[in-house]
Amino acid sequence: MSSPVDRRRSGKHRWEMRTKATKLERSRRHWDRQSPSYDRQMARIERHFFGDTRQWLCGLAEGEVLEVAIGTGLNLDRYPDGIRLTGVDISTGMLDQARRRAESSGRSVELGIGDAQRLAFPDSSFDTVLCTFSLCAVPDVRAAFSEMDRVLKPGGLLLLADHVVSTSRPVRVAQRLLDLVMVPLAGEHFRRRPIELVRAAGFELQRHERFKLGVVERLVARKSTP
């Protein structure tokens, strides 16, 4: 017979699992709704904020490549020839758009449903793992980073870009207000810093840039070898 402490722990675990599942499903529904108009919504943001970031990162990909939260496939045309690309996303709507883009561009890519927090690949499966402007929308960013680390081979490349907490105090105030609205509405966070997880995991930071008042951050890191 379990003790009261064990029952409380078990109850807390079940509650945490239900909460995580609810957040994931809410995120899935949100991106399914956004998928038909996503590219149009992103066009102006891409021009004025992200600049050449997609090319800056994708051009470095090598070998077996996993793109986490591939969305509508905005990165597909930026990858070099000779790689073998796999892309996952939680949204079927987003993946439908990515398939159309892959077909029209002739890019060979293996696409499938996948949760960044629980990647369905064995350890050390990929030479490169890439995620652009998507960790901000993952419910548990630590779990997602841990999974990307797990499936990346020792010595492999980690390529990340996202909007992060600003270096400007007035912008940080605005981001705090945005979090109050956007986290409950769409699960999107504006004050995260994935680079902190990269450093804590012992990756070798090879390239790192921040711009637009520190809101956009991109990095290239290599996983340590045993």
C-alpha atoms as a PDB file:
ATOM      1  CA  MET A   1       0.000   0.000   0.000  1.00  0.00           C
ATOM      2  CA  SER A   2       1.421   3.370  -1.035  1.00  0.00           C
ATOM      3  CA  SER A   3       2.123   6.052   1.541  1.00  0.00           C
ATOM      4  CA  PRO A   4       0.441   9.502   1.503  1.00  0.00           C
ATOM      5  CA  VAL A   5       3.722  10.986   0.262  1.00  0.00           C
ATOM      6  CA  ASP A   6       3.883   8.504  -2.633  1.00  0.00           C
ATOM      7  CA  ARG A   7       0.264   9.231  -3.554  1.00  0.00           C
ATOM      8  CA  ARG A   8       0.914  12.969  -3.548  1.00  0.00           C
ATOM      9  CA  ARG A   9       3.955  12.489  -5.766  1.00  0.00           C
ATOM     10  CA  SER A  10       2.000  10.262  -8.125  1.00  0.00           C
ATOM     11  CA  GLY A  11      -0.848  12.769  -8.275  1.00  0.00           C
ATOM     12  CA  LYS A  12       1.555  15.623  -8.971  1.00  0.00           C
ATOM     13  CA  HIS A  13       3.209  13.627 -11.761  1.00  0.00           C
ATOM     14  CA  ARG A  14      -0.157  12.869 -13.404  1.00  0.00           C
ATOM     15  CA  TRP A  15      -1.147  16.537 -13.157  1.00  0.00           C
ATOM     16  CA  GLU A  16       2.156  17.630 -14.751  1.00  0.00           C
ATOM     17  CA  MET A  17       1.715  15.142 -17.593  1.00  0.00           C
ATOM     18  CA  ARG A  18      -1.861  16.300 -18.255  1.00  0.00           C
ATOM     19  CA  THR A  19      -0.732  19.932 -18.206  1.00  0.00           C
ATOM     20  CA  LYS A  20       2.070  19.233 -20.684  1.00  0.00           C
ATOM     21  CA  ALA A  21      -0.299  17.328 -22.986  1.00  0.00           C
ATOM     22  CA  THR A  22      -2.827  20.176 -22.843  1.00  0.00           C
ATOM     23  CA  LYS A  23      -0.178  22.762 -23.756  1.00  0.00           C
ATOM     24  CA  LEU A  24       1.059  20.615 -26.627  1.00  0.00           C
ATOM     25  CA  GLU A  25      -2.434  20.102 -28.039  1.00  0.00           C
ATOM     26  CA  ARG A  26      -3.203  23.811 -27.740  1.00  0.00           C
ATOM     27  CA  SER A  27       0.003  24.591 -29.603  1.00  0.00           C
ATOM     28  CA  ARG A  28      -0.816  22.015 -32.287  1.00  0.00           C
ATOM     29  CA  ARG A  29      -4.261  23.518 -32.890  1.00  0.00           C
ATOM     30  CA  HIS A  30      -2.844  27.046 -33.006  1.00  0.00           C
ATOM     31  CA  TRP A  31      -0.267  26.218 -35.683  1.00  0.00           C
ATOM     32  CA  ASP A  32      -2.766  24.195 -37.692  1.00  0.00           C
ATOM     33  CA  ARG A  33      -4.948  27.311 -37.842  1.00  0.00           C
ATOM     34  CA  GLN A  34      -2.005  29.528 -38.739  1.00  0.00           C
ATOM     35  CA  SER A  35      -0.538  27.275 -41.430  1.00  0.00           C
ATOM     36  CA  PRO A  36      -2.455  28.591 -44.505  1.00  0.00           C
ATOM     37  CA  SER A  37      -1.419  32.208 -43.859  1.00  0.00           C
ATOM     38  CA  TYR A  38       1.861  31.679 -42.001  1.00  0.00           C
ATOM     39  CA  ASP A  39       4.197  32.516 -44.871  1.00  0.00           C
ATOM     40  CA  ARG A  40       2.390  35.784 -45.579  1.00  0.00           C
ATOM     41  CA  GLN A  41       2.506  36.728 -41.900  1.00  0.00           C
ATOM     42  CA  MET A  42       6.215  36.006 -41.727  1.00  0.00           C
ATOM     43  CA  ALA A  43       7.264  37.797 -44.922  1.00  0.00           C
ATOM     44  CA  ARG A  44       7.584  41.275 -43.408  1.00  0.00           C
ATOM     45  CA  ILE A  45       9.145  39.991 -40.186  1.00  0.00           C
ATOM     46  CA  GLU A  46      11.704  38.052 -42.223  1.00  0.00           C
ATOM     47  CA  ARG A  47      12.724  41.144 -44.201  1.00  0.00           C
ATOM     48  CA  HIS A  48      12.899  43.620 -41.337  1.00  0.00           C
ATOM     49  CA  PHE A  49      14.100  41.477 -38.431  1.00  0.00           C
ATOM     50  CA  PHE A  50      15.605  38.121 -39.377  1.00  0.00           C
ATOM     51  CA  GLY A  51      17.642  39.227 -42.402  1.00  0.00           C
ATOM     52  CA  ASP A  52      19.902  36.493 -43.783  1.00  0.00           C
ATOM     53  CA  THR A  53      19.627  34.290 -40.689  1.00  0.00           C
ATOM     54  CA  ARG A  54      18.114  31.264 -42.420  1.00  0.00           C
ATOM     55  CA  GLN A  55      20.862  31.180 -45.060  1.00  0.00           C
ATOM     56  CA  TRP A  56      23.484  32.000 -42.419  1.00  0.00           C
ATOM     57  CA  LEU A  57      22.600  28.818 -40.524  1.00  0.00           C
ATOM     58  CA  CYS A  58      21.314  26.389 -43.148  1.00  0.00           C
ATOM     59  CA  GLY A  59      24.366  26.850 -45.347  1.00  0.00           C
ATOM     60  CA  LEU A  60      26.472  25.244 -42.597  1.00  0.00           C
ATOM     61  CA  ALA A  61      24.407  22.046 -42.338  1.00  0.00           C
ATOM     62  CA  GLU A  62      26.258  18.820 -43.088  1.00  0.00           C
ATOM     63  CA  GLY A  63      25.573  15.103 -43.352  1.00  0.00           C
ATOM     64  CA  GLU A  64      22.400  13.739 -41.779  1.00  0.00           C
ATOM     65  CA  VAL A  65      20.350  16.805 -40.829  1.00  0.00           C
ATOM     66  CA  LEU A  66      17.339  17.097 -38.537  1.00  0.00           C
ATOM     67  CA  GLU A  67      15.262  20.259 -38.625  1.00  0.00           C
ATOM     68  CA  VAL A  68      13.124  20.504 -35.497  1.00  0.00           C
ATOM     69  CA  ALA A  69       9.799  22.348 -35.911  1.00  0.00           C
ATOM     70  CA  ILE A  70      10.264  22.650 -39.660  1.00  0.00           C
ATOM     71  CA  GLY A  71       6.948  24.471 -40.045  1.00  0.00           C
ATOM     72  CA  THR A  72       6.048  25.346 -43.636  1.00  0.00           C
ATOM     73  CA  GLY A  73       9.570  24.588 -44.820  1.00  0.00           C
ATOM     74  CA  LEU A  74      10.876  28.138 -45.114  1.00  0.00           C
ATOM     75  CA  ASN A  75      14.430  26.799 -44.786  1.00  0.00           C
ATOM     76  CA  LEU A  76      14.204  24.172 -47.518  1.00  0.00           C
ATOM     77  CA  ASP A  77      15.726  26.277 -50.294  1.00  0.00           C
ATOM     78  CA  ARG A  78      18.629  27.377 -48.086  1.00  0.00           C
ATOM     79  CA  TYR A  79      20.264  24.006 -47.489  1.00  0.00           C
ATOM     80  CA  PRO A  80      23.362  22.957 -49.441  1.00  0.00           C
ATOM     81  CA  ASP A  81      23.361  20.020 -51.820  1.00  0.00           C
ATOM     82  CA  GLY A  82      24.543  16.676 -50.531  1.00  0.00           C
ATOM     83  CA  ILE A  83      22.801  16.634 -47.157  1.00  0.00           C
ATOM     84  CA  ARG A  84      20.097  14.164 -46.123  1.00  0.00           C
ATOM     85  CA  LEU A  85      17.291  16.136 -44.523  1.00  0.00           C
ATOM     86  CA  THR A  86      14.622  15.076 -42.035  1.00  0.00           C
ATOM     87  CA  GLY A  87      12.039  17.535 -40.725  1.00  0.00           C
ATOM     88  CA  VAL A  88       9.501  17.174 -37.918  1.00  0.00           C
ATOM     89  CA  ASP A  89       6.668  19.365 -36.686  1.00  0.00           C
ATOM     90  CA  ILE A  90       3.683  18.898 -34.378  1.00  0.00           C
ATOM     91  CA  SER A  91       1.292  20.533 -36.862  1.00  0.00           C
ATOM     92  CA  THR A  92      -0.135  18.551 -39.780  1.00  0.00           C
ATOM     93  CA  GLY A  93      -1.173  21.836 -41.378  1.00  0.00           C
ATOM     94  CA  MET A  94       2.397  23.111 -41.315  1.00  0.00           C
ATOM     95  CA  LEU A  95       3.717  19.822 -42.690  1.00  0.00           C
ATOM     96  CA  ASP A  96       1.222  19.945 -45.564  1.00  0.00           C
ATOM     97  CA  GLN A  97       2.634  23.338 -46.533  1.00  0.00           C
ATOM     98  CA  ALA A  98       6.192  22.026 -46.214  1.00  0.00           C
ATOM     99  CA  ARG A  99       5.409  19.073 -48.503  1.00  0.00           C
ATOM    100  CA  ARG A 100       4.064  21.409 -51.167  1.00  0.00           C
ATOM    101  CA  ARG A 101       7.175  23.570 -50.915  1.00  0.00           C
ATOM    102  CA  ALA A 102       9.466  20.525 -51.129  1.00  0.00           C
ATOM    103  CA  GLU A 103       7.647  19.241 -54.211  1.00  0.00           C
ATOM    104  CA  SER A 104       7.809  22.591 -55.999  1.00  0.00           C
ATOM    105  CA  SER A 105      11.481  23.144 -55.155  1.00  0.00           C
ATOM    106  CA  GLY A 106      12.642  19.592 -55.788  1.00  0.00           C
ATOM    107  CA  ARG A 107      14.177  19.343 -52.314  1.00  0.00           C
ATOM    108  CA  SER A 108      14.338  15.784 -51.006  1.00  0.00           C
ATOM    109  CA  VAL A 109      13.203  15.712 -47.377  1.00  0.00           C
ATOM    110  CA  GLU A 110      11.676  13.156 -45.027  1.00  0.00           C
ATOM    111  CA  LEU A 111       8.799  14.888 -43.224  1.00  0.00           C
ATOM    112  CA  GLY A 112       6.790  13.620 -40.278  1.00  0.00           C
ATOM    113  CA  ILE A 113       4.834  14.490 -37.172  1.00  0.00           C
ATOM    114  CA  GLY A 114       7.150  14.983 -34.232  1.00  0.00           C
ATOM    115  CA  ASP A 115       7.200  16.630 -30.814  1.00  0.00           C
ATOM    116  CA  ALA A 116      10.404  18.577 -30.127  1.00  0.00           C
ATOM    117  CA  GLN A 117      10.103  17.541 -26.473  1.00  0.00           C
ATOM    118  CA  ARG A 118      10.119  13.798 -27.341  1.00  0.00           C
ATOM    119  CA  LEU A 119      11.950  13.151 -30.592  1.00  0.00           C
ATOM    120  CA  ALA A 120      11.359   9.681 -32.021  1.00  0.00           C
ATOM    121  CA  PHE A 121      14.963   9.014 -33.055  1.00  0.00           C
ATOM    122  CA  PRO A 122      17.760   6.963 -31.490  1.00  0.00           C
ATOM    123  CA  ASP A 123      20.636   8.642 -29.678  1.00  0.00           C
ATOM    124  CA  SER A 124      23.358  10.156 -31.879  1.00  0.00           C
ATOM    125  CA  SER A 125      21.351   9.917 -35.110  1.00  0.00           C
ATOM    126  CA  PHE A 126      22.270  13.214 -36.797  1.00  0.00           C
ATOM    127  CA  ASP A 127      25.356  15.163 -37.821  1.00  0.00           C
ATOM    128  CA  THR A 128      23.443  18.460 -37.680  1.00  0.00           C
ATOM    129  CA  VAL A 129      20.386  19.563 -35.709  1.00  0.00           C
ATOM    130  CA  LEU A 130      18.767  22.874 -36.630  1.00  0.00           C
ATOM    131  CA  CYS A 131      15.867  24.850 -35.179  1.00  0.00           C
ATOM    132  CA  THR A 132      14.952  28.370 -36.330  1.00  0.00           C
ATOM    133  CA  PHE A 133      12.472  30.677 -34.605  1.00  0.00           C
ATOM    134  CA  SER A 134      10.594  27.806 -32.991  1.00  0.00           C
ATOM    135  CA  LEU A 135      12.012  27.066 -29.533  1.00  0.00           C
ATOM    136  CA  CYS A 136      10.105  30.170 -28.436  1.00  0.00           C
ATOM    137  CA  ALA A 137       6.882  28.211 -28.995  1.00  0.00           C
ATOM    138  CA  VAL A 138       7.824  24.872 -27.407  1.00  0.00           C
ATOM    139  CA  PRO A 139       6.118  24.410 -24.008  1.00  0.00           C
ATOM    140  CA  ASP A 140       9.179  22.852 -22.315  1.00  0.00           C
ATOM    141  CA  VAL A 141      12.273  24.373 -23.908  1.00  0.00           C
ATOM    142  CA  ARG A 142      14.632  22.451 -21.605  1.00  0.00           C
ATOM    143  CA  ALA A 143      13.128  19.137 -22.677  1.00  0.00           C
ATOM    144  CA  ALA A 144      13.371  20.154 -26.338  1.00  0.00           C
ATOM    145  CA  PHE A 145      17.018  21.142 -26.007  1.00  0.00           C
ATOM    146  CA  SER A 146      17.798  17.922 -24.140  1.00  0.00           C
ATOM    147  CA  GLU A 147      16.246  15.936 -26.997  1.00  0.00           C
ATOM    148  CA  MET A 148      18.196  17.832 -29.655  1.00  0.00           C
ATOM    149  CA  ASP A 149      21.372  17.180 -27.683  1.00  0.00           C
ATOM    150  CA  ARG A 150      20.478  13.490 -27.372  1.00  0.00           C
ATOM    151  CA  VAL A 151      19.908  12.840 -31.096  1.00  0.00           C
ATOM    152  CA  LEU A 152      22.979  14.863 -32.162  1.00  0.00           C
ATOM    153  CA  LYS A 153      26.163  12.878 -32.686  1.00  0.00           C
ATOM    154  CA  PRO A 154      29.264  13.732 -30.645  1.00  0.00           C
ATOM    155  CA  GLY A 155      31.089  16.418 -32.596  1.00  0.00           C
ATOM    156  CA  GLY A 156      27.877  17.317 -34.438  1.00  0.00           C
ATOM    157  CA  LEU A 157      26.647  20.811 -35.274  1.00  0.00           C
ATOM    158  CA  LEU A 158      23.819  22.571 -33.461  1.00  0.00           C
ATOM    159  CA  LEU A 159      22.346  25.505 -35.425  1.00  0.00           C
ATOM    160  CA  LEU A 160      19.868  27.733 -33.584  1.00  0.00           C
ATOM    161  CA  ALA A 161      18.127  31.058 -34.157  1.00  0.00           C
ATOM    162  CA  ASP A 162      15.271  32.680 -32.270  1.00  0.00           C
ATOM    163  CA  HIS A 163      13.809  35.881 -30.951  1.00  0.00           C
ATOM    164  CA  VAL A 164      15.026  36.267 -27.375  1.00  0.00           C
ATOM    165  CA  VAL A 165      14.929  38.653 -24.451  1.00  0.00           C
ATOM    166  CA  SER A 166      16.250  42.044 -25.594  1.00  0.00           C
ATOM    167  CA  THR A 167      19.335  43.912 -24.413  1.00  0.00           C
ATOM    168  CA  SER A 168      17.155  47.061 -24.287  1.00  0.00           C
ATOM    169  CA  ARG A 169      15.234  47.697 -21.071  1.00  0.00           C
ATOM    170  CA  PRO A 170      12.182  49.318 -22.767  1.00  0.00           C
ATOM    171  CA  VAL A 171      11.960  46.399 -25.184  1.00  0.00           C
ATOM    172  CA  ARG A 172      12.206  43.913 -22.297  1.00  0.00           C
ATOM    173  CA  VAL A 173       9.232  45.638 -20.663  1.00  0.00           C
ATOM    174  CA  ALA A 174       7.273  45.243 -23.906  1.00  0.00           C
ATOM    175  CA  GLN A 175       8.318  41.596 -24.141  1.00  0.00           C
ATOM    176  CA  ARG A 176       7.106  40.975 -20.605  1.00  0.00           C
ATOM    177  CA  LEU A 177       3.700  42.336 -21.600  1.00  0.00           C
ATOM    178  CA  LEU A 178       3.710  40.258 -24.778  1.00  0.00           C
ATOM    179  CA  ASP A 179       4.392  37.139 -22.710  1.00  0.00           C
ATOM    180  CA  LEU A 180       1.296  37.845 -20.620  1.00  0.00           C
ATOM    181  CA  VAL A 181      -0.817  37.748 -23.781  1.00  0.00           C
ATOM    182  CA  MET A 182       0.956  35.358 -26.135  1.00  0.00           C
ATOM    183  CA  VAL A 183       1.945  32.543 -23.773  1.00  0.00           C
ATOM    184  CA  PRO A 184      -1.685  31.726 -22.832  1.00  0.00           C
ATOM    185  CA  LEU A 185      -2.960  32.466 -26.355  1.00  0.00           C
ATOM    186  CA  ALA A 186      -0.400  30.722 -28.538  1.00  0.00           C
ATOM    187  CA  GLY A 187       2.278  29.330 -26.228  1.00  0.00           C
ATOM    188  CA  GLU A 188       4.839  31.756 -27.649  1.00  0.00           C
ATOM    189  CA  HIS A 189       7.548  33.113 -25.332  1.00  0.00           C
ATOM    190  CA  PHE A 190       9.510  36.324 -25.910  1.00  0.00           C
ATOM    191  CA  ARG A 191      12.082  36.236 -23.085  1.00  0.00           C
ATOM    192  CA  ARG A 192      13.905  32.947 -23.485  1.00  0.00           C
ATOM    193  CA  ARG A 193      17.672  32.540 -24.126  1.00  0.00           C
ATOM    194  CA  PRO A 194      18.464  29.104 -25.612  1.00  0.00           C
ATOM    195  CA  ILE A 195      22.170  29.957 -25.583  1.00  0.00           C
ATOM    196  CA  GLU A 196      22.153  29.484 -21.806  1.00  0.00           C
ATOM    197  CA  LEU A 197      21.190  25.838 -22.310  1.00  0.00           C
ATOM    198  CA  VAL A 198      23.844  25.439 -25.007  1.00  0.00           C
ATOM    199  CA  ARG A 199      26.570  26.711 -22.697  1.00  0.00           C
ATOM    200  CA  ALA A 200      25.374  24.653 -19.738  1.00  0.00           C
ATOM    201  CA  ALA A 201      25.509  21.482 -21.858  1.00  0.00           C
ATOM    202  CA  GLY A 202      29.171  22.064 -22.675  1.00  0.00           C
ATOM    203  CA  PHE A 203      28.843  22.796 -26.394  1.00  0.00           C
ATOM    204  CA  GLU A 204      31.690  24.666 -28.098  1.00  0.00           C
ATOM    205  CA  LEU A 205      30.229  27.971 -29.279  1.00  0.00           C
ATOM    206  CA  GLN A 206      31.734  28.628 -32.714  1.00  0.00           C
ATOM    207  CA  ARG A 207      29.684  31.574 -33.952  1.00  0.00           C
ATOM    208  CA  HIS A 208      27.262  33.819 -32.103  1.00  0.00           C
ATOM    209  CA  GLU A 209      25.462  37.008 -33.120  1.00  0.00           C
ATOM    210  CA  ARG A 210      22.716  39.207 -31.669  1.00  0.00           C
ATOM    211  CA  PHE A 211      21.076  42.133 -33.440  1.00  0.00           C
ATOM    212  CA  LYS A 212      17.896  44.249 -33.568  1.00  0.00           C
ATOM    213  CA  LEU A 213      18.430  45.436 -29.972  1.00  0.00           C
ATOM    214  CA  GLY A 214      19.455  41.919 -29.047  1.00  0.00           C
ATOM    215  CA  VAL A 215      16.040  40.493 -29.935  1.00  0.00           C
ATOM    216  CA  VAL A 216      17.336  38.183 -32.674  1.00  0.00           C
ATOM    217  CA  GLU A 217      20.019  35.683 -31.671  1.00  0.00           C
ATOM    218  CA  ARG A 218      21.705  33.082 -33.835  1.00  0.00           C
ATOM    219  CA  LEU A 219      24.452  30.629 -33.022  1.00  0.00           C
ATOM    220  CA  VAL A 220      26.553  27.772 -34.271  1.00  0.00           C
ATOM    221  CA  ALA A 221      27.764  25.287 -31.661  1.00  0.00           C
ATOM    222  CA  ARG A 222      29.554  21.957 -31.807  1.00  0.00           C
ATOM    223  CA  LYS A 223      28.783  19.123 -29.432  1.00  0.00           C
ATOM    224  CA  SER A 224      31.713  17.904 -27.405  1.00  0.00           C
ATOM    225  CA  THR A 225      33.225  14.499 -28.069  1.00  0.00           C
ATOM    226  CA  PRO A 226      33.947  11.941 -25.328  1.00  0.00           C
END
